[in-house]
Amino acid sequence: MPVRDIITDPETLTMTLIADVDAPVDRLWRAFTDPRQLERFWGPPGWPATFTEFDFTVGGRAHYHMTSPQGEASYGAWEFVRIDEGTGFEALDSFVDADGTVFEGFPAMRMVFTFEATVTGSTLRNVTYFDSHEALEQVVAMGAVEGSRLAMGQLDAVLHDLREYAQGKGTRTELLDDTHVRITRLVEGARELVWRAHHEPELLRRWMLGPDGWSMIECEVGDTYRYVWQQGDDESTRFGFEGETVLSEAPRRAVTTERMIGTEGPATLNDLQLYEEDGATLLTLVVEYPDKDTRDAILATGMTDGIEASYARLEDVIA
């Protein structure tokens, strides 16, 4: 995670985020001024951003929305008021509706981004100015501090070539908070093929198997799904999962619920996102658990090892 600190100051009515990255200033600049790169990290995990307009000129505007796993959209707009080529820019940030109309009663903010070179790379300093103490408190109460920390925590994957960032590192599991886990894996192959492998039964049966010796004996996909596995011929080992599709944006994102068949416990929410670069696809799965105990119990089963065995087969299927 690149974030060094986030400071809220009620006297100066500011929130300051400082992040250190092992990439040069020009690379950090491009990440914040190219909408296709910016949308990969501007929204926190589970709320990815989509920029529908980005006129990076003084007086120009940018429009974006962040979409929750349930499909709920939150809209925002920037007006660029100062651009210091290569080193920083300033923008007015507003909460807007789907048509771009500013919401009354929501705070407007002035954001100043500064990019500075360091011995090991560069530093991002983002100072957000508020016009009242109430506005600062309102944004903090909306989760801006933790949301910003999680969002900027995705910068590393953007600033480096995908293969440099993830190749050979297998499946990585990160604890985001008490109820959220992020799983990442680089898959050599086009995003379209990775998407198909997650949604076509004949392909799913070839790779989504966990450790060696297991087979998928039931595979139903669609608005609802059902997967059942068995180890060898031993029917006593049979188990499975079922759920429903909450959001589908092929071939970019799919959000599903998941519950073990035959149990009454609460379901998890699985948010799968795919990003392709130079023929490789970064697979990111954010899992939302009902509580910390459930999260810890599932992780303790060796889930990551089973997932890695499946993803290794997935690469073979894609190849």
C-alpha atoms as a PDB file:
ATOM      1  CA  MET A   1       0.000   0.000   0.000  1.00  0.00           C
ATOM      2  CA  PRO A   2       1.630   3.303  -1.069  1.00  0.00           C
ATOM      3  CA  VAL A   3      -0.311   5.645   1.284  1.00  0.00           C
ATOM      4  CA  ARG A   4       1.977   7.112   3.924  1.00  0.00           C
ATOM      5  CA  ASP A   5      -0.561   9.257   5.735  1.00  0.00           C
ATOM      6  CA  ILE A   6      -3.981  10.902   5.536  1.00  0.00           C
ATOM      7  CA  ILE A   7      -4.374  13.999   7.721  1.00  0.00           C
ATOM      8  CA  THR A   8      -7.573  15.882   8.418  1.00  0.00           C
ATOM      9  CA  ASP A   9      -7.075  19.389   9.835  1.00  0.00           C
ATOM     10  CA  PRO A  10     -10.185  21.184  11.175  1.00  0.00           C
ATOM     11  CA  GLU A  11      -8.249  24.440  11.559  1.00  0.00           C
ATOM     12  CA  THR A  12      -7.190  24.713   7.901  1.00  0.00           C
ATOM     13  CA  LEU A  13     -10.291  22.808   6.695  1.00  0.00           C
ATOM     14  CA  THR A  14      -8.173  20.358   4.705  1.00  0.00           C
ATOM     15  CA  MET A  15      -7.655  16.650   4.182  1.00  0.00           C
ATOM     16  CA  THR A  16      -4.143  15.771   2.986  1.00  0.00           C
ATOM     17  CA  LEU A  17      -3.180  12.424   1.462  1.00  0.00           C
ATOM     18  CA  ILE A  18       0.502  11.570   1.006  1.00  0.00           C
ATOM     19  CA  ALA A  19       1.554   8.487  -0.961  1.00  0.00           C
ATOM     20  CA  ASP A  20       5.005   7.191  -1.930  1.00  0.00           C
ATOM     21  CA  VAL A  21       5.477   5.099  -5.074  1.00  0.00           C
ATOM     22  CA  ASP A  22       8.482   3.440  -6.698  1.00  0.00           C
ATOM     23  CA  ALA A  23       7.839   5.020 -10.093  1.00  0.00           C
ATOM     24  CA  PRO A  24       9.087   8.291 -11.623  1.00  0.00           C
ATOM     25  CA  VAL A  25       7.075  11.495 -11.590  1.00  0.00           C
ATOM     26  CA  ASP A  26       6.198  11.309 -15.282  1.00  0.00           C
ATOM     27  CA  ARG A  27       4.658   7.853 -14.767  1.00  0.00           C
ATOM     28  CA  LEU A  28       2.629   9.080 -11.783  1.00  0.00           C
ATOM     29  CA  TRP A  29       1.510  12.093 -13.836  1.00  0.00           C
ATOM     30  CA  ARG A  30       0.247   9.863 -16.650  1.00  0.00           C
ATOM     31  CA  ALA A  31      -1.703   7.697 -14.200  1.00  0.00           C
ATOM     32  CA  PHE A  32      -3.657  10.735 -12.967  1.00  0.00           C
ATOM     33  CA  THR A  33      -4.188  12.398 -16.350  1.00  0.00           C
ATOM     34  CA  ASP A  34      -5.163   9.402 -18.506  1.00  0.00           C
ATOM     35  CA  PRO A  35      -8.793   8.525 -17.715  1.00  0.00           C
ATOM     36  CA  ARG A  36      -8.336   4.834 -18.633  1.00  0.00           C
ATOM     37  CA  GLN A  37      -5.551   4.564 -16.053  1.00  0.00           C
ATOM     38  CA  LEU A  38      -7.214   6.844 -13.501  1.00  0.00           C
ATOM     39  CA  GLU A  39     -10.388   4.781 -13.414  1.00  0.00           C
ATOM     40  CA  ARG A  40      -8.393   1.713 -12.356  1.00  0.00           C
ATOM     41  CA  PHE A  41      -7.695   3.212  -8.925  1.00  0.00           C
ATOM     42  CA  TRP A  42      -9.836   6.310  -8.329  1.00  0.00           C
ATOM     43  CA  GLY A  43     -12.683   4.236  -6.873  1.00  0.00           C
ATOM     44  CA  PRO A  44     -11.946   1.992  -3.868  1.00  0.00           C
ATOM     45  CA  PRO A  45     -12.204  -1.807  -4.252  1.00  0.00           C
ATOM     46  CA  GLY A  46     -15.825  -2.700  -4.922  1.00  0.00           C
ATOM     47  CA  TRP A  47     -16.597   0.778  -6.317  1.00  0.00           C
ATOM     48  CA  PRO A  48     -14.592   1.023  -9.586  1.00  0.00           C
ATOM     49  CA  ALA A  49     -14.692   4.339 -11.411  1.00  0.00           C
ATOM     50  CA  THR A  50     -15.709   4.966 -15.012  1.00  0.00           C
ATOM     51  CA  PHE A  51     -14.793   8.322 -16.592  1.00  0.00           C
ATOM     52  CA  THR A  52     -17.266   9.253 -19.324  1.00  0.00           C
ATOM     53  CA  GLU A  53     -15.714  12.674 -20.036  1.00  0.00           C
ATOM     54  CA  PHE A  54     -12.188  13.964 -19.461  1.00  0.00           C
ATOM     55  CA  ASP A  55     -11.300  17.340 -20.951  1.00  0.00           C
ATOM     56  CA  PHE A  56      -7.913  17.949 -19.330  1.00  0.00           C
ATOM     57  CA  THR A  57      -7.620  21.659 -20.065  1.00  0.00           C
ATOM     58  CA  VAL A  58      -8.028  24.736 -17.869  1.00  0.00           C
ATOM     59  CA  GLY A  59     -11.793  25.228 -17.720  1.00  0.00           C
ATOM     60  CA  GLY A  60     -12.401  21.677 -18.945  1.00  0.00           C
ATOM     61  CA  ARG A  61     -14.469  19.138 -17.055  1.00  0.00           C
ATOM     62  CA  ALA A  62     -14.325  15.476 -16.167  1.00  0.00           C
ATOM     63  CA  HIS A  63     -17.372  13.354 -15.348  1.00  0.00           C
ATOM     64  CA  TYR A  64     -17.224   9.957 -13.686  1.00  0.00           C
ATOM     65  CA  HIS A  65     -19.271   7.496 -11.715  1.00  0.00           C
ATOM     66  CA  MET A  66     -18.372   4.756  -9.267  1.00  0.00           C
ATOM     67  CA  THR A  67     -20.480   1.593  -9.307  1.00  0.00           C
ATOM     68  CA  SER A  68     -21.138  -0.552  -6.242  1.00  0.00           C
ATOM     69  CA  PRO A  69     -21.309  -4.378  -6.400  1.00  0.00           C
ATOM     70  CA  GLN A  70     -25.106  -4.044  -6.396  1.00  0.00           C
ATOM     71  CA  GLY A  71     -25.052  -1.684  -9.399  1.00  0.00           C
ATOM     72  CA  GLU A  72     -25.674   1.522  -7.439  1.00  0.00           C
ATOM     73  CA  ALA A  73     -23.886   4.499  -9.042  1.00  0.00           C
ATOM     74  CA  SER A  74     -22.345   7.537  -7.337  1.00  0.00           C
ATOM     75  CA  TYR A  75     -21.544  10.439  -9.681  1.00  0.00           C
ATOM     76  CA  GLY A  76     -18.907  13.152  -9.522  1.00  0.00           C
ATOM     77  CA  ALA A  77     -17.556  15.991 -11.659  1.00  0.00           C
ATOM     78  CA  TRP A  78     -14.288  17.921 -11.787  1.00  0.00           C
ATOM     79  CA  GLU A  79     -13.568  21.342 -13.237  1.00  0.00           C
ATOM     80  CA  PHE A  80      -9.867  21.860 -13.957  1.00  0.00           C
ATOM     81  CA  VAL A  81      -8.771  25.335 -12.793  1.00  0.00           C
ATOM     82  CA  ARG A  82      -4.954  25.018 -12.973  1.00  0.00           C
ATOM     83  CA  ILE A  83      -2.560  22.644 -14.739  1.00  0.00           C
ATOM     84  CA  ASP A  84       1.181  22.606 -14.091  1.00  0.00           C
ATOM     85  CA  GLU A  85       2.331  20.269 -16.833  1.00  0.00           C
ATOM     86  CA  GLY A  86       4.086  17.223 -15.417  1.00  0.00           C
ATOM     87  CA  THR A  87       4.034  18.291 -11.755  1.00  0.00           C
ATOM     88  CA  GLY A  88       0.453  18.893 -10.626  1.00  0.00           C
ATOM     89  CA  PHE A  89      -3.031  20.246 -11.202  1.00  0.00           C
ATOM     90  CA  GLU A  90      -5.987  21.749  -9.333  1.00  0.00           C
ATOM     91  CA  ALA A  91      -9.663  20.910  -9.767  1.00  0.00           C
ATOM     92  CA  LEU A  92     -13.031  21.714  -8.221  1.00  0.00           C
ATOM     93  CA  ASP A  93     -14.782  18.485  -7.192  1.00  0.00           C
ATOM     94  CA  SER A  94     -18.583  18.239  -6.891  1.00  0.00           C
ATOM     95  CA  PHE A  95     -21.207  15.595  -6.176  1.00  0.00           C
ATOM     96  CA  VAL A  96     -23.583  15.468  -9.153  1.00  0.00           C
ATOM     97  CA  ASP A  97     -26.512  13.438 -10.451  1.00  0.00           C
ATOM     98  CA  ALA A  98     -26.500  11.266 -13.586  1.00  0.00           C
ATOM     99  CA  ASP A  99     -27.107  14.367 -15.743  1.00  0.00           C
ATOM    100  CA  GLY A 100     -24.204  16.289 -14.195  1.00  0.00           C
ATOM    101  CA  THR A 101     -26.338  18.629 -12.073  1.00  0.00           C
ATOM    102  CA  VAL A 102     -24.644  19.551  -8.799  1.00  0.00           C
ATOM    103  CA  PHE A 103     -26.393  18.212  -5.703  1.00  0.00           C
ATOM    104  CA  GLU A 104     -27.490  20.873  -3.232  1.00  0.00           C
ATOM    105  CA  GLY A 105     -26.553  20.167   0.352  1.00  0.00           C
ATOM    106  CA  PHE A 106     -23.423  18.243  -0.606  1.00  0.00           C
ATOM    107  CA  PRO A 107     -20.003  19.839  -0.133  1.00  0.00           C
ATOM    108  CA  ALA A 108     -17.977  21.183  -3.054  1.00  0.00           C
ATOM    109  CA  MET A 109     -14.217  20.721  -2.683  1.00  0.00           C
ATOM    110  CA  ARG A 110     -11.023  22.104  -4.180  1.00  0.00           C
ATOM    111  CA  MET A 111      -8.388  19.427  -4.846  1.00  0.00           C
ATOM    112  CA  VAL A 112      -4.699  20.187  -5.403  1.00  0.00           C
ATOM    113  CA  PHE A 113      -2.501  17.347  -6.718  1.00  0.00           C
ATOM    114  CA  THR A 114       1.288  17.668  -6.535  1.00  0.00           C
ATOM    115  CA  PHE A 115       3.799  15.122  -7.857  1.00  0.00           C
ATOM    116  CA  GLU A 116       7.401  15.323  -6.603  1.00  0.00           C
ATOM    117  CA  ALA A 117      10.497  13.252  -7.402  1.00  0.00           C
ATOM    118  CA  THR A 118      12.208  11.305  -4.600  1.00  0.00           C
ATOM    119  CA  VAL A 119      15.323   9.144  -4.376  1.00  0.00           C
ATOM    120  CA  THR A 120      13.261   5.973  -4.701  1.00  0.00           C
ATOM    121  CA  GLY A 121      10.554   7.202  -7.064  1.00  0.00           C
ATOM    122  CA  SER A 122       7.987   9.906  -6.431  1.00  0.00           C
ATOM    123  CA  THR A 123       5.505  11.272  -3.919  1.00  0.00           C
ATOM    124  CA  LEU A 124       1.871  12.180  -4.449  1.00  0.00           C
ATOM    125  CA  ARG A 125       0.437  14.927  -2.259  1.00  0.00           C
ATOM    126  CA  ASN A 126      -3.310  15.507  -2.584  1.00  0.00           C
ATOM    127  CA  VAL A 127      -4.710  18.376  -0.500  1.00  0.00           C
ATOM    128  CA  THR A 128      -8.494  18.769  -0.478  1.00  0.00           C
ATOM    129  CA  TYR A 129      -9.865  22.127   0.742  1.00  0.00           C
ATOM    130  CA  PHE A 130     -13.355  22.507   2.218  1.00  0.00           C
ATOM    131  CA  ASP A 131     -15.392  25.676   2.675  1.00  0.00           C
ATOM    132  CA  SER A 132     -16.637  24.819   6.174  1.00  0.00           C
ATOM    133  CA  HIS A 133     -16.003  22.584   9.150  1.00  0.00           C
ATOM    134  CA  GLU A 134     -19.359  20.911   8.509  1.00  0.00           C
ATOM    135  CA  ALA A 135     -18.352  20.038   4.942  1.00  0.00           C
ATOM    136  CA  LEU A 136     -15.119  18.445   6.141  1.00  0.00           C
ATOM    137  CA  GLU A 137     -16.972  16.426   8.779  1.00  0.00           C
ATOM    138  CA  GLN A 138     -19.610  15.352   6.247  1.00  0.00           C
ATOM    139  CA  VAL A 139     -17.035  13.954   3.804  1.00  0.00           C
ATOM    140  CA  VAL A 140     -15.092  12.198   6.570  1.00  0.00           C
ATOM    141  CA  ALA A 141     -18.353  10.671   7.847  1.00  0.00           C
ATOM    142  CA  MET A 142     -19.000   9.352   4.319  1.00  0.00           C
ATOM    143  CA  GLY A 143     -15.823   7.246   4.599  1.00  0.00           C
ATOM    144  CA  ALA A 144     -13.449   9.457   2.613  1.00  0.00           C
ATOM    145  CA  VAL A 145     -10.371   8.649   4.698  1.00  0.00           C
ATOM    146  CA  GLU A 146     -10.543   4.870   4.489  1.00  0.00           C
ATOM    147  CA  GLY A 147     -11.959   4.972   0.967  1.00  0.00           C
ATOM    148  CA  SER A 148      -9.031   7.105  -0.212  1.00  0.00           C
ATOM    149  CA  ARG A 149      -6.531   4.813   1.482  1.00  0.00           C
ATOM    150  CA  LEU A 150      -7.997   1.731  -0.206  1.00  0.00           C
ATOM    151  CA  ALA A 151      -8.281   3.475  -3.583  1.00  0.00           C
ATOM    152  CA  MET A 152      -4.673   4.699  -3.625  1.00  0.00           C
ATOM    153  CA  GLY A 153      -3.599   1.259  -2.452  1.00  0.00           C
ATOM    154  CA  GLN A 154      -4.344   0.129  -6.014  1.00  0.00           C
ATOM    155  CA  LEU A 155      -1.743   2.457  -7.541  1.00  0.00           C
ATOM    156  CA  ASP A 156       1.070  -0.108  -7.626  1.00  0.00           C
ATOM    157  CA  ALA A 157      -0.805  -2.287 -10.088  1.00  0.00           C
ATOM    158  CA  VAL A 158      -1.308   0.714 -12.378  1.00  0.00           C
ATOM    159  CA  LEU A 159       2.187   2.246 -12.304  1.00  0.00           C
ATOM    160  CA  HIS A 160       4.003  -0.919 -13.339  1.00  0.00           C
ATOM    161  CA  ASP A 161       3.739  -3.188 -16.352  1.00  0.00           C
ATOM    162  CA  LEU A 162       1.307  -5.975 -15.466  1.00  0.00           C
ATOM    163  CA  ARG A 163       3.871  -8.697 -15.969  1.00  0.00           C
ATOM    164  CA  GLU A 164       6.431  -6.790 -13.903  1.00  0.00           C
ATOM    165  CA  TYR A 165       3.843  -6.328 -11.170  1.00  0.00           C
ATOM    166  CA  ALA A 166       2.354  -9.813 -11.009  1.00  0.00           C
ATOM    167  CA  GLN A 167       4.025 -12.405 -13.248  1.00  0.00           C
ATOM    168  CA  GLY A 168       5.382 -15.406 -11.364  1.00  0.00           C
ATOM    169  CA  LYS A 169       3.859 -14.279  -8.049  1.00  0.00           C
ATOM    170  CA  GLY A 170       0.913 -16.664  -8.228  1.00  0.00           C
ATOM    171  CA  THR A 171      -2.299 -15.970  -6.351  1.00  0.00           C
ATOM    172  CA  ARG A 172      -2.029 -13.180  -3.793  1.00  0.00           C
ATOM    173  CA  THR A 173      -4.510 -12.668  -0.957  1.00  0.00           C
ATOM    174  CA  GLU A 174      -4.740  -9.305   0.848  1.00  0.00           C
ATOM    175  CA  LEU A 175      -6.865  -8.397   3.869  1.00  0.00           C
ATOM    176  CA  LEU A 176      -8.492  -5.042   3.083  1.00  0.00           C
ATOM    177  CA  ASP A 177     -10.492  -4.783   6.310  1.00  0.00           C
ATOM    178  CA  ASP A 178     -12.427  -7.029   8.700  1.00  0.00           C
ATOM    179  CA  THR A 179     -14.880  -8.196   6.042  1.00  0.00           C
ATOM    180  CA  HIS A 180     -13.108  -7.734   2.690  1.00  0.00           C
ATOM    181  CA  VAL A 181     -10.364  -9.765   1.030  1.00  0.00           C
ATOM    182  CA  ARG A 182      -8.726  -9.016  -2.330  1.00  0.00           C
ATOM    183  CA  ILE A 183      -7.363 -11.902  -4.428  1.00  0.00           C
ATOM    184  CA  THR A 184      -5.218 -11.129  -7.483  1.00  0.00           C
ATOM    185  CA  ARG A 185      -3.701 -13.342 -10.176  1.00  0.00           C
ATOM    186  CA  LEU A 186      -2.097 -12.572 -13.526  1.00  0.00           C
ATOM    187  CA  VAL A 187      -3.364 -14.828 -16.295  1.00  0.00           C
ATOM    188  CA  GLU A 188      -1.506 -14.996 -19.596  1.00  0.00           C
ATOM    189  CA  GLY A 189      -4.255 -14.489 -22.128  1.00  0.00           C
ATOM    190  CA  ALA A 190      -6.817 -12.045 -23.448  1.00  0.00           C
ATOM    191  CA  ARG A 191      -9.543 -10.717 -21.155  1.00  0.00           C
ATOM    192  CA  GLU A 192     -12.281 -11.995 -23.467  1.00  0.00           C
ATOM    193  CA  LEU A 193     -10.948 -15.541 -23.094  1.00  0.00           C
ATOM    194  CA  VAL A 194     -10.649 -15.251 -19.305  1.00  0.00           C
ATOM    195  CA  TRP A 195     -14.247 -14.001 -19.172  1.00  0.00           C
ATOM    196  CA  ARG A 196     -15.458 -16.940 -21.287  1.00  0.00           C
ATOM    197  CA  ALA A 197     -13.582 -19.387 -19.071  1.00  0.00           C
ATOM    198  CA  HIS A 198     -15.563 -18.051 -16.090  1.00  0.00           C
ATOM    199  CA  HIS A 199     -18.945 -18.291 -17.799  1.00  0.00           C
ATOM    200  CA  GLU A 200     -18.980 -21.305 -20.150  1.00  0.00           C
ATOM    201  CA  PRO A 201     -19.652 -24.680 -18.469  1.00  0.00           C
ATOM    202  CA  GLU A 202     -17.408 -26.718 -20.780  1.00  0.00           C
ATOM    203  CA  LEU A 203     -14.475 -24.450 -19.861  1.00  0.00           C
ATOM    204  CA  LEU A 204     -15.297 -24.153 -16.161  1.00  0.00           C
ATOM    205  CA  ARG A 205     -15.231 -27.934 -15.813  1.00  0.00           C
ATOM    206  CA  ARG A 206     -11.639 -27.962 -17.078  1.00  0.00           C
ATOM    207  CA  TRP A 207     -10.053 -25.574 -14.581  1.00  0.00           C
ATOM    208  CA  MET A 208     -12.238 -24.692 -11.558  1.00  0.00           C
ATOM    209  CA  LEU A 209     -11.291 -27.847  -9.664  1.00  0.00           C
ATOM    210  CA  GLY A 210      -9.067 -26.906  -6.720  1.00  0.00           C
ATOM    211  CA  PRO A 211      -6.444 -29.513  -5.718  1.00  0.00           C
ATOM    212  CA  ASP A 212      -5.653 -32.476  -7.962  1.00  0.00           C
ATOM    213  CA  GLY A 213      -8.063 -35.383  -7.786  1.00  0.00           C
ATOM    214  CA  TRP A 214     -11.289 -33.393  -7.802  1.00  0.00           C
ATOM    215  CA  SER A 215     -13.821 -33.057 -10.615  1.00  0.00           C
ATOM    216  CA  MET A 216     -16.796 -30.759 -11.188  1.00  0.00           C
ATOM    217  CA  ILE A 217     -19.830 -33.021 -11.487  1.00  0.00           C
ATOM    218  CA  GLU A 218     -22.441 -30.246 -11.763  1.00  0.00           C
ATOM    219  CA  CYS A 219     -22.014 -26.917 -13.515  1.00  0.00           C
ATOM    220  CA  GLU A 220     -24.967 -24.612 -14.104  1.00  0.00           C
ATOM    221  CA  VAL A 221     -24.455 -20.952 -15.083  1.00  0.00           C
ATOM    222  CA  GLY A 222     -26.680 -17.975 -15.867  1.00  0.00           C
ATOM    223  CA  ASP A 223     -28.631 -15.568 -13.691  1.00  0.00           C
ATOM    224  CA  THR A 224     -28.148 -18.218 -11.010  1.00  0.00           C
ATOM    225  CA  TYR A 225     -25.358 -20.774 -10.800  1.00  0.00           C
ATOM    226  CA  ARG A 226     -24.568 -24.062  -9.109  1.00  0.00           C
ATOM    227  CA  TYR A 227     -21.197 -25.843  -8.893  1.00  0.00           C
ATOM    228  CA  VAL A 228     -20.695 -29.274  -7.292  1.00  0.00           C
ATOM    229  CA  TRP A 229     -17.365 -31.093  -6.888  1.00  0.00           C
ATOM    230  CA  GLN A 230     -16.357 -34.599  -5.891  1.00  0.00           C
ATOM    231  CA  GLN A 231     -13.018 -36.223  -5.089  1.00  0.00           C
ATOM    232  CA  GLY A 232     -12.550 -39.273  -7.273  1.00  0.00           C
ATOM    233  CA  ASP A 233     -15.447 -41.737  -6.924  1.00  0.00           C
ATOM    234  CA  ASP A 234     -16.089 -40.940  -3.261  1.00  0.00           C
ATOM    235  CA  GLU A 235     -19.599 -39.470  -3.097  1.00  0.00           C
ATOM    236  CA  SER A 236     -19.123 -38.651   0.591  1.00  0.00           C
ATOM    237  CA  THR A 237     -16.702 -35.861  -0.420  1.00  0.00           C
ATOM    238  CA  ARG A 238     -19.308 -34.109  -2.546  1.00  0.00           C
ATOM    239  CA  PHE A 239     -19.859 -30.393  -1.879  1.00  0.00           C
ATOM    240  CA  GLY A 240     -20.808 -27.300  -3.829  1.00  0.00           C
ATOM    241  CA  PHE A 241     -21.713 -23.635  -4.005  1.00  0.00           C
ATOM    242  CA  GLU A 242     -24.653 -21.760  -5.463  1.00  0.00           C
ATOM    243  CA  GLY A 243     -25.627 -18.141  -5.907  1.00  0.00           C
ATOM    244  CA  GLU A 244     -26.971 -15.517  -8.240  1.00  0.00           C
ATOM    245  CA  THR A 245     -25.566 -12.859 -10.535  1.00  0.00           C
ATOM    246  CA  VAL A 246     -25.966  -9.368  -9.069  1.00  0.00           C
ATOM    247  CA  LEU A 247     -24.113  -7.386 -11.741  1.00  0.00           C
ATOM    248  CA  SER A 248     -22.640  -8.361 -15.115  1.00  0.00           C
ATOM    249  CA  GLU A 249     -20.598  -6.039 -17.356  1.00  0.00           C
ATOM    250  CA  ALA A 250     -18.959  -8.378 -19.865  1.00  0.00           C
ATOM    251  CA  PRO A 251     -16.034  -8.764 -20.223  1.00  0.00           C
ATOM    252  CA  ARG A 252     -14.996  -6.413 -17.428  1.00  0.00           C
ATOM    253  CA  ARG A 253     -16.877  -7.194 -14.234  1.00  0.00           C
ATOM    254  CA  ALA A 254     -19.178  -9.776 -12.670  1.00  0.00           C
ATOM    255  CA  VAL A 255     -20.600  -9.669  -9.143  1.00  0.00           C
ATOM    256  CA  THR A 256     -22.197 -12.789  -7.663  1.00  0.00           C
ATOM    257  CA  THR A 257     -23.405 -14.062  -4.313  1.00  0.00           C
ATOM    258  CA  GLU A 258     -22.016 -17.355  -3.002  1.00  0.00           C
ATOM    259  CA  ARG A 259     -23.320 -19.798  -0.403  1.00  0.00           C
ATOM    260  CA  MET A 260     -22.317 -23.378   0.318  1.00  0.00           C
ATOM    261  CA  ILE A 261     -25.116 -25.718  -0.758  1.00  0.00           C
ATOM    262  CA  GLY A 262     -27.077 -27.077   2.186  1.00  0.00           C
ATOM    263  CA  THR A 263     -26.052 -24.379   4.672  1.00  0.00           C
ATOM    264  CA  GLU A 264     -28.164 -21.639   6.200  1.00  0.00           C
ATOM    265  CA  GLY A 265     -25.361 -19.150   6.804  1.00  0.00           C
ATOM    266  CA  PRO A 266     -25.114 -15.743   5.101  1.00  0.00           C
ATOM    267  CA  ALA A 267     -23.692 -15.555   1.596  1.00  0.00           C
ATOM    268  CA  THR A 268     -20.500 -13.845   0.529  1.00  0.00           C
ATOM    269  CA  LEU A 269     -20.408 -11.277  -2.261  1.00  0.00           C
ATOM    270  CA  ASN A 270     -17.778 -11.946  -4.945  1.00  0.00           C
ATOM    271  CA  ASP A 271     -16.714  -9.018  -7.154  1.00  0.00           C
ATOM    272  CA  LEU A 272     -14.645 -10.221 -10.136  1.00  0.00           C
ATOM    273  CA  GLN A 273     -12.868  -7.610 -12.296  1.00  0.00           C
ATOM    274  CA  LEU A 274     -10.642  -8.210 -15.320  1.00  0.00           C
ATOM    275  CA  TYR A 275      -8.086  -5.812 -16.800  1.00  0.00           C
ATOM    276  CA  GLU A 276      -6.027  -6.608 -19.903  1.00  0.00           C
ATOM    277  CA  GLU A 277      -2.649  -5.186 -20.857  1.00  0.00           C
ATOM    278  CA  ASP A 278      -0.382  -6.430 -23.656  1.00  0.00           C
ATOM    279  CA  GLY A 279      -2.096  -9.812 -23.926  1.00  0.00           C
ATOM    280  CA  ALA A 280      -2.147 -10.529 -20.184  1.00  0.00           C
ATOM    281  CA  THR A 281      -5.150 -10.191 -17.864  1.00  0.00           C
ATOM    282  CA  LEU A 282      -5.054  -9.147 -14.224  1.00  0.00           C
ATOM    283  CA  LEU A 283      -7.833 -10.963 -12.401  1.00  0.00           C
ATOM    284  CA  THR A 284      -8.997  -9.226  -9.217  1.00  0.00           C
ATOM    285  CA  LEU A 285     -11.571 -10.821  -6.927  1.00  0.00           C
ATOM    286  CA  VAL A 286     -12.838  -8.828  -3.936  1.00  0.00           C
ATOM    287  CA  VAL A 287     -14.777 -11.039  -1.528  1.00  0.00           C
ATOM    288  CA  GLU A 288     -17.107  -9.473   1.040  1.00  0.00           C
ATOM    289  CA  TYR A 289     -17.763 -11.663   4.100  1.00  0.00           C
ATOM    290  CA  PRO A 290     -20.612 -11.165   6.572  1.00  0.00           C
ATOM    291  CA  ASP A 291     -18.187 -10.768   9.488  1.00  0.00           C
ATOM    292  CA  LYS A 292     -14.546 -11.149  10.538  1.00  0.00           C
ATOM    293  CA  ASP A 293     -15.005 -14.629  12.056  1.00  0.00           C
ATOM    294  CA  THR A 294     -16.433 -15.982   8.800  1.00  0.00           C
ATOM    295  CA  ARG A 295     -13.589 -14.374   6.860  1.00  0.00           C
ATOM    296  CA  ASP A 296     -10.944 -15.928   9.102  1.00  0.00           C
ATOM    297  CA  ALA A 297     -12.585 -19.362   9.121  1.00  0.00           C
ATOM    298  CA  ILE A 298     -12.719 -19.525   5.321  1.00  0.00           C
ATOM    299  CA  LEU A 299      -9.150 -18.285   4.887  1.00  0.00           C
ATOM    300  CA  ALA A 300      -7.967 -20.909   7.372  1.00  0.00           C
ATOM    301  CA  THR A 301      -9.192 -23.687   5.068  1.00  0.00           C
ATOM    302  CA  GLY A 302      -6.264 -23.050   2.701  1.00  0.00           C
ATOM    303  CA  MET A 303      -8.508 -21.315   0.203  1.00  0.00           C
ATOM    304  CA  THR A 304      -5.620 -19.509  -1.523  1.00  0.00           C
ATOM    305  CA  ASP A 305      -3.788 -22.760  -2.315  1.00  0.00           C
ATOM    306  CA  GLY A 306      -6.899 -24.253  -3.885  1.00  0.00           C
ATOM    307  CA  ILE A 307      -7.518 -21.103  -5.903  1.00  0.00           C
ATOM    308  CA  GLU A 308      -3.928 -21.061  -7.181  1.00  0.00           C
ATOM    309  CA  ALA A 309      -4.225 -24.671  -8.366  1.00  0.00           C
ATOM    310  CA  SER A 310      -7.350 -23.712 -10.291  1.00  0.00           C
ATOM    311  CA  TYR A 311      -5.851 -20.542 -11.780  1.00  0.00           C
ATOM    312  CA  ALA A 312      -2.785 -22.485 -12.951  1.00  0.00           C
ATOM    313  CA  ARG A 313      -5.151 -24.777 -14.876  1.00  0.00           C
ATOM    314  CA  LEU A 314      -7.000 -21.715 -16.173  1.00  0.00           C
ATOM    315  CA  GLU A 315      -3.813 -20.538 -17.871  1.00  0.00           C
ATOM    316  CA  ASP A 316      -3.478 -23.924 -19.543  1.00  0.00           C
ATOM    317  CA  VAL A 317      -7.080 -23.737 -20.760  1.00  0.00           C
ATOM    318  CA  ILE A 318      -6.541 -20.206 -22.110  1.00  0.00           C
ATOM    319  CA  ALA A 319      -3.344 -21.311 -23.857  1.00  0.00           C
END
